Each structure stands twice: as structure tokens, then as C-alpha cells.
N, C-alpha and C. Protein backbone atom coordinates (compact mmCIF):
# COMPACT_ATOMS: atom_id res chain seq x y z
N VAL A 1 0.86 -1.19 0.00
CA VAL A 1 0.00 0.00 0.00
C VAL A 1 0.89 1.24 0.00
N GLN A 2 0.62 2.13 -0.92
CA GLN A 2 1.42 3.35 -0.99
C GLN A 2 0.52 4.52 -1.35
N LEU A 3 0.75 5.63 -0.68
CA LEU A 3 0.04 6.86 -0.96
C LEU A 3 1.07 7.97 -1.08
N VAL A 4 0.96 8.77 -2.11
CA VAL A 4 1.92 9.85 -2.36
C VAL A 4 1.16 11.13 -2.66
N GLU A 5 1.29 12.10 -1.76
CA GLU A 5 0.62 13.37 -1.94
C GLU A 5 1.49 14.34 -2.75
N SER A 6 0.83 15.24 -3.42
CA SER A 6 1.50 16.33 -4.13
C SER A 6 0.50 17.46 -4.31
N GLY A 7 0.99 18.59 -4.80
CA GLY A 7 0.08 19.68 -5.12
C GLY A 7 -0.08 20.73 -4.05
N GLY A 8 0.67 20.62 -2.96
CA GLY A 8 0.64 21.69 -1.98
C GLY A 8 1.43 22.87 -2.49
N GLY A 9 1.59 23.89 -1.64
CA GLY A 9 2.37 25.04 -2.07
C GLY A 9 1.99 26.28 -1.30
N LEU A 10 2.48 27.40 -1.80
CA LEU A 10 2.21 28.71 -1.19
C LEU A 10 1.10 29.39 -1.95
N VAL A 11 0.10 29.86 -1.25
CA VAL A 11 -1.04 30.51 -1.89
C VAL A 11 -1.48 31.68 -1.02
N GLN A 12 -2.01 32.69 -1.65
CA GLN A 12 -2.51 33.84 -0.91
C GLN A 12 -3.86 33.55 -0.28
N SER A 13 -4.14 34.24 0.79
CA SER A 13 -5.44 34.11 1.45
C SER A 13 -6.56 34.38 0.44
N GLY A 14 -7.56 33.52 0.47
CA GLY A 14 -8.65 33.62 -0.48
C GLY A 14 -8.47 32.77 -1.71
N GLY A 15 -7.29 32.25 -1.90
CA GLY A 15 -7.01 31.42 -3.06
C GLY A 15 -7.47 29.99 -2.87
N SER A 16 -7.09 29.14 -3.81
CA SER A 16 -7.49 27.73 -3.75
C SER A 16 -6.33 26.84 -4.16
N LEU A 17 -6.41 25.59 -3.76
CA LEU A 17 -5.43 24.58 -4.12
C LEU A 17 -6.14 23.27 -4.33
N ARG A 18 -5.48 22.36 -5.05
CA ARG A 18 -6.05 21.04 -5.28
C ARG A 18 -4.95 19.99 -5.07
N PRO A 19 -4.61 19.71 -3.82
CA PRO A 19 -3.65 18.62 -3.57
C PRO A 19 -4.21 17.30 -4.10
N SER A 20 -3.29 16.41 -4.50
CA SER A 20 -3.71 15.11 -4.98
C SER A 20 -2.94 14.02 -4.26
N CYS A 21 -3.48 12.82 -4.31
CA CYS A 21 -2.89 11.67 -3.63
C CYS A 21 -2.94 10.49 -4.59
N ALA A 22 -1.78 10.05 -5.02
CA ALA A 22 -1.68 8.89 -5.89
C ALA A 22 -1.57 7.64 -5.03
N VAL A 23 -2.44 6.67 -5.28
CA VAL A 23 -2.45 5.48 -4.44
C VAL A 23 -2.10 4.25 -5.27
N SER A 24 -1.54 3.27 -4.61
CA SER A 24 -1.24 2.00 -5.25
C SER A 24 -1.25 0.90 -4.20
N GLY A 25 -1.42 -0.32 -4.65
CA GLY A 25 -1.40 -1.45 -3.73
C GLY A 25 -2.76 -1.83 -3.18
N PHE A 26 -3.79 -1.08 -3.56
CA PHE A 26 -5.15 -1.43 -3.13
C PHE A 26 -6.12 -0.81 -4.10
N ALA A 27 -7.34 -1.33 -4.10
CA ALA A 27 -8.39 -0.81 -4.97
C ALA A 27 -9.00 0.42 -4.30
N VAL A 28 -8.73 1.58 -4.86
CA VAL A 28 -9.12 2.84 -4.21
C VAL A 28 -10.64 2.95 -4.05
N SER A 29 -11.38 2.25 -4.89
CA SER A 29 -12.83 2.34 -4.81
C SER A 29 -13.42 1.45 -3.73
N THR A 30 -12.58 0.63 -3.10
CA THR A 30 -13.08 -0.35 -2.14
C THR A 30 -13.02 0.14 -0.70
N TYR A 31 -12.14 1.09 -0.42
CA TYR A 31 -11.89 1.49 0.96
C TYR A 31 -12.15 2.98 1.17
N ALA A 32 -12.38 3.34 2.43
CA ALA A 32 -12.56 4.73 2.80
C ALA A 32 -11.20 5.43 2.81
N THR A 33 -11.12 6.56 2.14
CA THR A 33 -9.91 7.36 2.13
C THR A 33 -10.23 8.75 2.65
N SER A 34 -9.25 9.37 3.26
CA SER A 34 -9.48 10.65 3.92
C SER A 34 -8.33 11.61 3.68
N TRP A 35 -8.63 12.87 3.88
CA TRP A 35 -7.60 13.91 3.97
C TRP A 35 -7.55 14.40 5.41
N VAL A 36 -6.35 14.50 5.92
CA VAL A 36 -6.09 14.92 7.29
C VAL A 36 -5.03 16.00 7.23
N ARG A 37 -5.10 16.97 8.10
CA ARG A 37 -4.04 17.97 8.13
C ARG A 37 -3.47 18.10 9.53
N GLN A 38 -2.24 18.60 9.59
CA GLN A 38 -1.58 18.77 10.87
C GLN A 38 -0.73 20.03 10.87
N VAL A 39 -1.03 20.89 11.81
CA VAL A 39 -0.19 22.06 12.07
C VAL A 39 0.94 21.60 12.98
N PRO A 40 2.18 21.96 12.69
CA PRO A 40 3.28 21.54 13.56
C PRO A 40 3.01 21.84 15.03
N GLY A 41 3.19 20.83 15.86
CA GLY A 41 2.97 21.01 17.28
C GLY A 41 1.55 20.76 17.73
N LYS A 42 0.65 20.49 16.77
CA LYS A 42 -0.74 20.23 17.10
C LYS A 42 -1.15 18.85 16.61
N GLU A 43 -2.30 18.40 17.08
CA GLU A 43 -2.78 17.09 16.68
C GLU A 43 -3.31 17.11 15.24
N ARG A 44 -3.30 15.94 14.64
CA ARG A 44 -3.86 15.84 13.30
C ARG A 44 -5.35 16.07 13.34
N GLU A 45 -5.87 16.69 12.28
CA GLU A 45 -7.29 17.02 12.18
C GLU A 45 -7.86 16.38 10.91
N LEU A 46 -8.85 15.54 11.09
CA LEU A 46 -9.54 14.95 9.94
C LEU A 46 -10.36 16.03 9.24
N LEU A 47 -10.19 16.14 7.93
CA LEU A 47 -10.94 17.13 7.16
C LEU A 47 -12.15 16.52 6.48
N THR A 48 -11.91 15.50 5.71
CA THR A 48 -13.00 14.95 4.89
C THR A 48 -12.67 13.52 4.48
N THR A 49 -13.71 12.73 4.28
CA THR A 49 -13.58 11.32 3.95
C THR A 49 -14.49 10.98 2.79
N ILE A 50 -14.02 10.09 1.95
CA ILE A 50 -14.87 9.54 0.90
C ILE A 50 -14.93 8.03 1.08
N LEU A 51 -16.13 7.52 1.13
CA LEU A 51 -16.34 6.09 1.35
C LEU A 51 -16.32 5.34 0.02
N SER A 52 -16.33 4.04 0.11
CA SER A 52 -16.33 3.24 -1.11
C SER A 52 -17.57 3.53 -1.95
N SER A 53 -18.63 3.94 -1.29
CA SER A 53 -19.88 4.26 -2.00
C SER A 53 -19.82 5.63 -2.64
N THR A 54 -18.73 6.37 -2.43
CA THR A 54 -18.51 7.77 -2.85
C THR A 54 -19.26 8.77 -2.00
N LYS A 55 -19.93 8.29 -0.96
CA LYS A 55 -20.54 9.22 -0.01
C LYS A 55 -19.40 9.92 0.74
N THR A 56 -19.54 11.21 0.96
CA THR A 56 -18.48 11.97 1.61
C THR A 56 -18.95 12.59 2.91
N GLY A 57 -17.99 12.91 3.76
CA GLY A 57 -18.29 13.59 5.00
C GLY A 57 -17.23 14.64 5.27
N HIS A 58 -17.57 15.66 6.03
CA HIS A 58 -16.66 16.76 6.30
C HIS A 58 -16.74 17.15 7.77
N VAL A 59 -15.67 17.74 8.27
CA VAL A 59 -15.74 18.36 9.58
C VAL A 59 -16.20 19.80 9.40
N ASP A 60 -16.65 20.40 10.47
CA ASP A 60 -17.24 21.73 10.37
C ASP A 60 -16.26 22.76 9.81
N SER A 61 -15.00 22.68 10.21
CA SER A 61 -14.03 23.69 9.77
C SER A 61 -13.79 23.62 8.28
N ALA A 62 -14.08 22.49 7.65
CA ALA A 62 -13.82 22.35 6.22
C ALA A 62 -15.09 22.38 5.39
N LYS A 63 -16.22 22.27 6.03
CA LYS A 63 -17.47 22.17 5.28
C LYS A 63 -17.68 23.41 4.43
N GLY A 64 -17.97 23.16 3.17
CA GLY A 64 -18.19 24.26 2.24
C GLY A 64 -16.92 24.76 1.60
N ARG A 65 -15.75 24.38 2.13
CA ARG A 65 -14.49 24.85 1.56
C ARG A 65 -13.60 23.71 1.08
N ALA A 66 -13.78 22.53 1.59
CA ALA A 66 -12.93 21.40 1.22
C ALA A 66 -13.79 20.29 0.62
N THR A 67 -13.42 19.85 -0.56
CA THR A 67 -14.17 18.81 -1.25
C THR A 67 -13.22 17.68 -1.64
N ILE A 68 -13.58 16.47 -1.24
CA ILE A 68 -12.79 15.30 -1.60
C ILE A 68 -13.43 14.63 -2.81
N SER A 69 -12.60 14.14 -3.70
CA SER A 69 -13.11 13.40 -4.85
C SER A 69 -12.13 12.29 -5.18
N ARG A 70 -12.58 11.40 -6.06
CA ARG A 70 -11.78 10.22 -6.35
C ARG A 70 -11.88 9.89 -7.83
N ASP A 71 -10.79 9.51 -8.42
CA ASP A 71 -10.78 9.04 -9.80
C ASP A 71 -10.34 7.58 -9.75
N ASP A 72 -11.29 6.69 -9.84
CA ASP A 72 -10.98 5.27 -9.70
C ASP A 72 -10.06 4.77 -10.81
N ALA A 73 -10.24 5.28 -12.00
CA ALA A 73 -9.41 4.82 -13.12
C ALA A 73 -7.95 5.25 -12.95
N LYS A 74 -7.76 6.45 -12.44
CA LYS A 74 -6.39 6.96 -12.25
C LYS A 74 -5.84 6.63 -10.86
N THR A 75 -6.66 6.01 -10.03
CA THR A 75 -6.32 5.69 -8.64
C THR A 75 -5.77 6.92 -7.92
N MET A 76 -6.54 7.98 -7.98
CA MET A 76 -6.16 9.25 -7.38
C MET A 76 -7.25 9.74 -6.44
N ILE A 77 -6.83 10.38 -5.37
CA ILE A 77 -7.73 11.07 -4.46
C ILE A 77 -7.37 12.55 -4.51
N TYR A 78 -8.37 13.40 -4.57
CA TYR A 78 -8.13 14.84 -4.67
C TYR A 78 -8.77 15.57 -3.50
N LEU A 79 -8.18 16.71 -3.17
CA LEU A 79 -8.77 17.61 -2.18
C LEU A 79 -8.81 19.01 -2.79
N GLN A 80 -10.00 19.48 -3.05
CA GLN A 80 -10.15 20.85 -3.54
C GLN A 80 -10.45 21.74 -2.34
N ILE A 81 -9.59 22.75 -2.10
CA ILE A 81 -9.80 23.67 -1.00
C ILE A 81 -9.94 25.07 -1.57
N ILE A 82 -11.03 25.73 -1.23
CA ILE A 82 -11.26 27.09 -1.72
C ILE A 82 -11.25 28.07 -0.55
N ASN A 83 -11.16 29.35 -0.89
CA ASN A 83 -11.21 30.40 0.12
C ASN A 83 -10.24 30.11 1.28
N LEU A 84 -9.00 29.82 0.92
CA LEU A 84 -8.00 29.44 1.92
C LEU A 84 -7.73 30.59 2.88
N LYS A 85 -7.48 30.23 4.13
CA LYS A 85 -7.20 31.19 5.18
C LYS A 85 -5.84 30.87 5.79
N PRO A 86 -5.20 31.85 6.40
CA PRO A 86 -3.89 31.57 7.02
C PRO A 86 -3.93 30.40 7.99
N GLU A 87 -5.05 30.21 8.67
CA GLU A 87 -5.15 29.09 9.62
C GLU A 87 -5.25 27.73 8.93
N ASP A 88 -5.35 27.71 7.62
CA ASP A 88 -5.32 26.46 6.87
C ASP A 88 -3.89 26.00 6.61
N THR A 89 -2.91 26.82 6.97
CA THR A 89 -1.51 26.44 6.81
C THR A 89 -1.21 25.20 7.63
N ALA A 90 -0.74 24.15 6.95
CA ALA A 90 -0.52 22.87 7.61
C ALA A 90 0.10 21.89 6.62
N ASP A 91 0.48 20.74 7.12
CA ASP A 91 0.83 19.61 6.27
C ASP A 91 -0.43 18.80 6.04
N TYR A 92 -0.68 18.46 4.80
CA TYR A 92 -1.89 17.73 4.43
C TYR A 92 -1.54 16.31 4.02
N TYR A 93 -2.27 15.35 4.59
CA TYR A 93 -2.01 13.94 4.36
C TYR A 93 -3.27 13.24 3.85
N CYS A 94 -3.07 12.24 3.02
CA CYS A 94 -4.17 11.33 2.71
C CYS A 94 -3.91 10.01 3.42
N ASN A 95 -4.98 9.33 3.75
CA ASN A 95 -4.82 8.01 4.36
C ASN A 95 -5.93 7.08 3.90
N VAL A 96 -5.73 5.82 4.14
CA VAL A 96 -6.72 4.81 3.81
C VAL A 96 -6.82 3.84 4.98
N LEU A 97 -8.02 3.38 5.24
CA LEU A 97 -8.27 2.42 6.31
C LEU A 97 -8.52 1.05 5.67
N ILE A 98 -7.63 0.13 5.96
CA ILE A 98 -7.75 -1.23 5.40
C ILE A 98 -7.64 -2.23 6.55
N SER A 99 -8.70 -2.97 6.76
CA SER A 99 -8.73 -4.02 7.78
C SER A 99 -8.24 -3.52 9.13
N GLY A 100 -8.70 -2.35 9.52
CA GLY A 100 -8.39 -1.82 10.83
C GLY A 100 -7.09 -1.06 10.93
N ASP A 101 -6.32 -1.01 9.88
CA ASP A 101 -5.03 -0.30 9.89
C ASP A 101 -5.09 0.91 8.97
N PHE A 102 -4.49 2.01 9.43
CA PHE A 102 -4.38 3.21 8.61
C PHE A 102 -3.03 3.21 7.90
N TYR A 103 -3.08 3.58 6.64
CA TYR A 103 -1.87 3.78 5.86
C TYR A 103 -1.82 5.24 5.43
N TRP A 104 -0.63 5.84 5.51
CA TRP A 104 -0.48 7.28 5.31
C TRP A 104 0.53 7.58 4.21
N GLY A 105 0.33 8.72 3.57
CA GLY A 105 1.35 9.26 2.69
C GLY A 105 2.31 10.11 3.49
N GLN A 106 3.27 10.73 2.78
CA GLN A 106 4.29 11.52 3.46
C GLN A 106 3.85 12.96 3.69
N GLY A 107 2.75 13.35 3.06
CA GLY A 107 2.21 14.68 3.26
C GLY A 107 2.69 15.69 2.23
N THR A 108 1.90 16.74 2.08
CA THR A 108 2.26 17.86 1.22
C THR A 108 1.95 19.15 2.00
N GLN A 109 2.85 20.10 1.91
CA GLN A 109 2.73 21.29 2.74
C GLN A 109 1.93 22.38 2.03
N VAL A 110 1.01 22.97 2.77
CA VAL A 110 0.22 24.09 2.27
C VAL A 110 0.48 25.29 3.17
N THR A 111 0.87 26.39 2.54
CA THR A 111 1.12 27.61 3.29
C THR A 111 0.26 28.72 2.70
N VAL A 112 -0.52 29.35 3.55
CA VAL A 112 -1.42 30.42 3.11
C VAL A 112 -0.92 31.73 3.68
N SER A 113 -0.60 32.65 2.81
CA SER A 113 -0.09 33.95 3.24
C SER A 113 -1.23 34.96 3.34
N THR A 114 -1.03 35.97 4.17
CA THR A 114 -2.05 37.01 4.34
C THR A 114 -1.96 38.05 3.23
């Protein structure tokens, strides 16, 4: 199982980004995958999840601004974030839950300037 994030970067407040997560070693359409972010020194925060059924869920801080999607053919998971705020600055990770175990990528850094 491998997950590789990319697409982070520096963006101005109010801008948008679309980090992506390339997965391999499992059928992406079969398992729940999520985007999680972590500010250095703070706990990881779950943002949004997409289930095998493609039903999605969000936490309040991301609702309306963060959208998860999946391309089964390309085995990719995407996170569209709009109206970025400085407090969105963090490392963003994708993960997958398989048989009770979480697998993580290495993360991609998002920095939002004022």
C-alpha cells in the first residue's frame, strides 16, 4: 500500500489549491480514504472522507471549503480547498483504512499567506 501526496504550495489568502494523492497497492474504490491535516505542534485534524460508496463527510471547519473526490481509473484522491485562510496552513495527508489499519502518505505542505 502506498500513498503519495503532491500539489501543496504557497497561496494567498482567499485562493485555492487542489492537492492530490496517488495510491497503489489497493483498490481505491473499495476502501474509505481521507484527507487529514496537521499544524506543527498540534494534533492531526480529519478534514474529509470519501467512502467506497462515494458518499463523503466533512468536519465543520472544512465544510463548504474542502471537497474530496476520487478518480478510480487513475487511482487518485483529490482535495479541492477554496477560500483558503492563514489558519489552513498545515501539512496535508491522505490516508486509507484497510482491515483496521491506517496507511499514510508523506504529506504535502500548504502555506497560506495574508
